[in-house]
């Protein structure tokens, strides 16, 4: 089970974008990477096409390794580690800082 999922709000704890927060747009569990909104922006040179008739240089998010991300605690709003708890027959993610369940 992954600790970080699509739609989570995460904090970047290492790299050029250290200290930024953003929403996870997609996760690649095989590579251990995630794409986070507004983080790890790269310049992409594109030829003119139907979607981009002008072409030119566009900024887009590149994948960042999940070891450089921490989930934001839903209670305190600060970065936290993720733990798991079995409630009945379901395994749920919990924030280690507050013990709050992560939806």
N, C-alpha and C. Protein backbone atom coordinates (compact mmCIF):
# COMPACT_ATOMS: atom_id res chain seq x y z
N UNK A 1 0.85 -1.20 0.00
CA UNK A 1 0.00 0.00 0.00
C UNK A 1 0.89 1.25 0.00
N UNK A 2 0.55 2.20 -0.85
CA UNK A 2 1.33 3.42 -0.96
C UNK A 2 1.02 4.41 0.16
N UNK A 3 2.03 5.14 0.56
CA UNK A 3 1.85 6.15 1.60
C UNK A 3 1.31 7.45 1.03
N UNK A 4 1.65 7.73 -0.24
CA UNK A 4 1.20 8.95 -0.89
C UNK A 4 0.30 8.57 -2.06
N UNK A 5 -0.85 9.24 -2.16
CA UNK A 5 -1.82 8.93 -3.21
C UNK A 5 -2.20 10.20 -3.96
N UNK A 6 -2.82 10.01 -5.12
CA UNK A 6 -3.29 11.12 -5.93
C UNK A 6 -4.30 11.94 -5.13
N UNK A 7 -4.15 13.26 -5.17
CA UNK A 7 -5.07 14.14 -4.45
C UNK A 7 -4.57 14.58 -3.09
N UNK A 8 -3.53 13.92 -2.55
CA UNK A 8 -2.96 14.30 -1.26
C UNK A 8 -2.23 15.64 -1.38
N UNK A 9 -2.18 16.38 -0.28
CA UNK A 9 -1.36 17.60 -0.20
C UNK A 9 -0.05 17.21 0.46
N UNK A 10 1.06 17.52 -0.20
CA UNK A 10 2.37 17.11 0.30
C UNK A 10 3.30 18.30 0.45
N UNK A 11 4.34 18.10 1.27
CA UNK A 11 5.39 19.08 1.55
C UNK A 11 6.68 18.53 0.97
N UNK A 12 7.45 19.35 0.26
CA UNK A 12 8.72 18.91 -0.33
C UNK A 12 9.81 19.17 0.70
N UNK A 13 10.50 18.10 1.14
CA UNK A 13 11.51 18.25 2.19
C UNK A 13 12.94 18.19 1.69
N UNK A 14 13.15 18.09 0.37
CA UNK A 14 14.52 18.07 -0.18
C UNK A 14 14.49 18.50 -1.63
N UNK A 15 15.62 19.02 -2.10
CA UNK A 15 15.73 19.40 -3.50
C UNK A 15 15.59 20.90 -3.71
N UNK A 16 15.52 21.31 -4.98
CA UNK A 16 15.44 22.73 -5.32
C UNK A 16 14.16 23.39 -4.84
N UNK A 17 13.09 22.61 -4.71
CA UNK A 17 11.79 23.15 -4.30
C UNK A 17 11.49 22.89 -2.84
N UNK A 18 12.54 22.73 -2.02
CA UNK A 18 12.37 22.44 -0.60
C UNK A 18 11.52 23.52 0.07
N UNK A 19 10.53 23.09 0.86
CA UNK A 19 9.68 24.02 1.57
C UNK A 19 8.35 24.29 0.88
N UNK A 20 8.21 23.89 -0.38
CA UNK A 20 6.96 24.12 -1.11
C UNK A 20 5.94 23.04 -0.78
N UNK A 21 4.68 23.39 -0.94
CA UNK A 21 3.61 22.40 -0.79
C UNK A 21 2.79 22.37 -2.07
N UNK A 22 2.16 21.26 -2.33
CA UNK A 22 1.34 21.13 -3.53
C UNK A 22 0.49 19.88 -3.48
N UNK A 23 -0.42 19.80 -4.44
CA UNK A 23 -1.34 18.67 -4.55
C UNK A 23 -0.74 17.64 -5.50
N UNK A 24 -0.83 16.36 -5.15
CA UNK A 24 -0.30 15.29 -5.99
C UNK A 24 -1.24 15.08 -7.17
N UNK A 25 -0.69 15.20 -8.39
CA UNK A 25 -1.48 15.04 -9.61
C UNK A 25 -1.49 13.59 -10.08
N UNK A 26 -0.35 12.89 -9.94
CA UNK A 26 -0.28 11.48 -10.30
C UNK A 26 0.86 10.80 -9.57
N UNK A 27 0.76 9.48 -9.43
CA UNK A 27 1.76 8.68 -8.72
C UNK A 27 2.18 7.51 -9.59
N UNK A 28 3.50 7.24 -9.64
CA UNK A 28 4.03 6.08 -10.35
C UNK A 28 4.71 5.18 -9.32
N UNK A 29 3.96 4.20 -8.75
CA UNK A 29 4.52 3.37 -7.68
C UNK A 29 5.69 2.51 -8.13
N UNK A 30 5.73 2.11 -9.41
CA UNK A 30 6.82 1.27 -9.90
C UNK A 30 8.14 2.04 -9.86
N UNK A 31 8.10 3.31 -10.20
CA UNK A 31 9.31 4.16 -10.21
C UNK A 31 9.52 4.83 -8.85
N UNK A 32 8.48 4.87 -8.01
CA UNK A 32 8.59 5.54 -6.72
C UNK A 32 8.59 7.05 -6.86
N UNK A 33 7.86 7.56 -7.85
CA UNK A 33 7.85 8.99 -8.13
C UNK A 33 6.42 9.52 -8.19
N UNK A 34 6.30 10.82 -7.98
CA UNK A 34 5.00 11.47 -8.04
C UNK A 34 5.13 12.82 -8.74
N UNK A 35 4.06 13.26 -9.40
CA UNK A 35 4.04 14.59 -10.00
C UNK A 35 3.20 15.47 -9.08
N UNK A 36 3.82 16.59 -8.63
CA UNK A 36 3.18 17.49 -7.68
C UNK A 36 2.95 18.85 -8.36
N UNK A 37 1.77 19.40 -8.16
CA UNK A 37 1.36 20.66 -8.78
C UNK A 37 2.30 21.80 -8.37
N UNK A 38 2.94 22.45 -9.35
CA UNK A 38 3.79 23.61 -9.10
C UNK A 38 5.17 23.30 -8.55
N UNK A 39 5.56 22.03 -8.53
CA UNK A 39 6.85 21.62 -7.97
C UNK A 39 7.68 20.93 -9.04
N UNK A 40 8.99 21.16 -9.06
CA UNK A 40 9.93 20.55 -10.00
C UNK A 40 9.56 20.89 -11.44
N UNK A 41 9.38 22.20 -11.70
CA UNK A 41 9.02 22.66 -13.03
C UNK A 41 10.21 22.60 -13.97
N UNK A 42 9.98 22.10 -15.19
CA UNK A 42 11.03 22.04 -16.20
C UNK A 42 10.52 22.75 -17.46
N UNK A 43 11.47 23.29 -18.26
CA UNK A 43 11.12 23.94 -19.51
C UNK A 43 11.10 22.91 -20.62
N UNK A 44 10.03 22.89 -21.37
CA UNK A 44 9.89 21.92 -22.45
C UNK A 44 9.75 22.68 -23.77
N UNK A 45 10.62 22.38 -24.72
CA UNK A 45 10.56 23.03 -26.03
C UNK A 45 9.62 22.24 -26.92
N UNK A 46 8.57 22.90 -27.44
CA UNK A 46 7.58 22.19 -28.25
C UNK A 46 7.45 22.82 -29.64
N UNK A 47 7.24 21.96 -30.61
CA UNK A 47 6.96 22.41 -31.97
C UNK A 47 5.51 22.83 -32.05
N UNK A 48 5.17 23.70 -32.99
CA UNK A 48 3.75 24.05 -33.15
C UNK A 48 2.93 22.82 -33.56
N UNK A 49 1.78 22.65 -32.95
CA UNK A 49 0.86 21.57 -33.29
C UNK A 49 -0.57 22.05 -33.07
N UNK A 50 -1.54 21.18 -33.23
CA UNK A 50 -2.94 21.58 -33.10
C UNK A 50 -3.26 22.11 -31.70
N UNK A 51 -2.66 21.49 -30.69
CA UNK A 51 -2.92 21.89 -29.31
C UNK A 51 -2.19 23.19 -28.96
N UNK A 52 -0.95 23.30 -29.41
CA UNK A 52 -0.12 24.49 -29.18
C UNK A 52 0.25 25.10 -30.53
N UNK A 53 -0.63 25.91 -31.13
CA UNK A 53 -0.33 26.43 -32.47
C UNK A 53 0.88 27.35 -32.51
N UNK A 54 1.20 27.96 -31.38
CA UNK A 54 2.34 28.87 -31.32
C UNK A 54 3.66 28.09 -31.13
N UNK A 55 3.63 26.97 -30.41
CA UNK A 55 4.85 26.25 -30.08
C UNK A 55 5.61 27.01 -29.01
N UNK A 56 6.92 26.83 -28.94
CA UNK A 56 7.74 27.58 -27.99
C UNK A 56 8.09 26.78 -26.75
N UNK A 57 8.44 27.52 -25.69
CA UNK A 57 8.89 26.90 -24.44
C UNK A 57 7.73 26.94 -23.44
N UNK A 58 7.36 25.77 -22.92
CA UNK A 58 6.31 25.69 -21.90
C UNK A 58 6.90 25.09 -20.63
N UNK A 59 6.37 25.53 -19.49
CA UNK A 59 6.79 24.98 -18.20
C UNK A 59 5.83 23.88 -17.81
N UNK A 60 6.37 22.76 -17.34
CA UNK A 60 5.51 21.68 -16.85
C UNK A 60 6.19 20.96 -15.70
N UNK A 61 5.37 20.25 -14.90
CA UNK A 61 5.89 19.53 -13.74
C UNK A 61 6.57 18.24 -14.18
N UNK A 62 7.70 17.95 -13.54
CA UNK A 62 8.41 16.69 -13.76
C UNK A 62 8.24 15.83 -12.51
N UNK A 63 8.36 14.50 -12.63
CA UNK A 63 8.21 13.64 -11.44
C UNK A 63 9.29 13.92 -10.40
N UNK A 64 8.92 13.80 -9.14
CA UNK A 64 9.84 13.96 -8.01
C UNK A 64 9.78 12.68 -7.17
N UNK A 65 10.92 12.28 -6.61
CA UNK A 65 10.95 11.02 -5.86
C UNK A 65 10.14 11.15 -4.58
N UNK A 66 9.42 10.07 -4.24
CA UNK A 66 8.52 10.10 -3.09
C UNK A 66 9.26 10.20 -1.76
N UNK A 67 10.55 9.87 -1.73
CA UNK A 67 11.31 10.00 -0.49
C UNK A 67 11.53 11.47 -0.13
N UNK A 68 11.34 12.36 -1.10
CA UNK A 68 11.50 13.79 -0.86
C UNK A 68 10.18 14.48 -0.52
N UNK A 69 9.13 13.69 -0.29
CA UNK A 69 7.81 14.24 0.00
C UNK A 69 7.32 13.77 1.36
N UNK A 70 6.64 14.67 2.09
CA UNK A 70 5.95 14.33 3.33
C UNK A 70 4.50 14.74 3.20
N UNK A 71 3.61 13.93 3.72
CA UNK A 71 2.20 14.26 3.71
C UNK A 71 1.94 15.39 4.70
N UNK A 72 0.96 16.24 4.40
CA UNK A 72 0.57 17.31 5.32
C UNK A 72 -0.47 16.75 6.29
N UNK A 73 -0.23 16.98 7.59
CA UNK A 73 -1.14 16.51 8.64
C UNK A 73 -2.48 17.24 8.51
N UNK A 74 -3.61 16.50 8.43
CA UNK A 74 -4.91 17.17 8.28
C UNK A 74 -5.30 18.02 9.49
N UNK A 75 -4.76 17.71 10.66
CA UNK A 75 -5.13 18.44 11.87
C UNK A 75 -4.29 19.70 12.06
N UNK A 76 -2.95 19.55 12.00
CA UNK A 76 -2.06 20.69 12.29
C UNK A 76 -1.60 21.44 11.05
N UNK A 77 -1.67 20.80 9.87
CA UNK A 77 -1.21 21.46 8.65
C UNK A 77 0.29 21.42 8.48
N UNK A 78 0.99 20.61 9.29
CA UNK A 78 2.44 20.48 9.21
C UNK A 78 2.81 19.14 8.58
N UNK A 79 4.05 19.02 8.07
CA UNK A 79 4.48 17.74 7.49
C UNK A 79 4.51 16.63 8.54
N UNK A 80 4.13 15.42 8.13
CA UNK A 80 4.11 14.29 9.05
C UNK A 80 4.46 13.01 8.31
N UNK A 81 4.87 12.00 9.05
CA UNK A 81 5.08 10.68 8.46
C UNK A 81 3.73 9.96 8.43
N UNK A 82 3.67 8.90 7.65
CA UNK A 82 2.42 8.16 7.48
C UNK A 82 2.55 6.79 8.13
N UNK A 83 1.53 6.41 8.90
CA UNK A 83 1.47 5.09 9.49
C UNK A 83 0.19 4.41 9.03
N UNK A 84 0.06 3.15 9.38
CA UNK A 84 -1.14 2.40 9.02
C UNK A 84 -1.76 1.78 10.25
N UNK A 85 -3.10 1.68 10.24
CA UNK A 85 -3.84 1.08 11.34
C UNK A 85 -4.95 0.22 10.74
N UNK A 86 -5.20 -0.94 11.34
CA UNK A 86 -6.27 -1.80 10.85
C UNK A 86 -7.51 -1.53 11.71
N UNK A 87 -8.56 -1.05 11.04
CA UNK A 87 -9.83 -0.79 11.72
C UNK A 87 -10.87 -1.74 11.14
N UNK A 88 -11.25 -2.72 11.91
CA UNK A 88 -12.18 -3.73 11.41
C UNK A 88 -11.49 -4.58 10.36
N UNK A 89 -11.99 -4.52 9.13
CA UNK A 89 -11.35 -5.28 8.06
C UNK A 89 -10.66 -4.35 7.06
N UNK A 90 -10.53 -3.06 7.41
CA UNK A 90 -9.89 -2.09 6.52
C UNK A 90 -8.57 -1.59 7.09
N UNK A 91 -7.62 -1.34 6.19
CA UNK A 91 -6.32 -0.78 6.56
C UNK A 91 -6.35 0.69 6.19
N UNK A 92 -6.19 1.58 7.15
CA UNK A 92 -6.28 3.01 6.89
C UNK A 92 -4.96 3.71 7.18
N UNK A 93 -4.72 4.83 6.48
CA UNK A 93 -3.52 5.63 6.71
C UNK A 93 -3.78 6.60 7.85
N UNK A 94 -2.78 6.76 8.73
CA UNK A 94 -2.89 7.73 9.83
C UNK A 94 -1.66 8.62 9.83
N UNK A 95 -1.84 9.85 10.33
CA UNK A 95 -0.72 10.78 10.48
C UNK A 95 -0.03 10.46 11.79
N UNK A 96 1.30 10.29 11.74
CA UNK A 96 2.05 9.93 12.94
C UNK A 96 2.04 11.05 13.98
N UNK A 97 1.99 12.32 13.53
CA UNK A 97 2.04 13.45 14.46
C UNK A 97 0.80 13.55 15.33
N UNK A 98 -0.38 13.45 14.70
CA UNK A 98 -1.63 13.68 15.43
C UNK A 98 -2.43 12.40 15.66
N UNK A 99 -2.14 11.34 14.92
CA UNK A 99 -2.92 10.11 15.01
C UNK A 99 -4.22 10.19 14.23
N UNK A 100 -4.41 11.30 13.52
CA UNK A 100 -5.61 11.54 12.72
C UNK A 100 -5.63 10.64 11.48
N UNK A 101 -6.82 10.16 11.10
CA UNK A 101 -6.95 9.35 9.90
C UNK A 101 -6.84 10.25 8.67
N UNK A 102 -6.11 9.78 7.64
CA UNK A 102 -5.96 10.54 6.41
C UNK A 102 -7.00 10.04 5.42
N UNK A 103 -7.83 10.95 4.97
CA UNK A 103 -8.91 10.58 4.04
C UNK A 103 -8.37 10.45 2.63
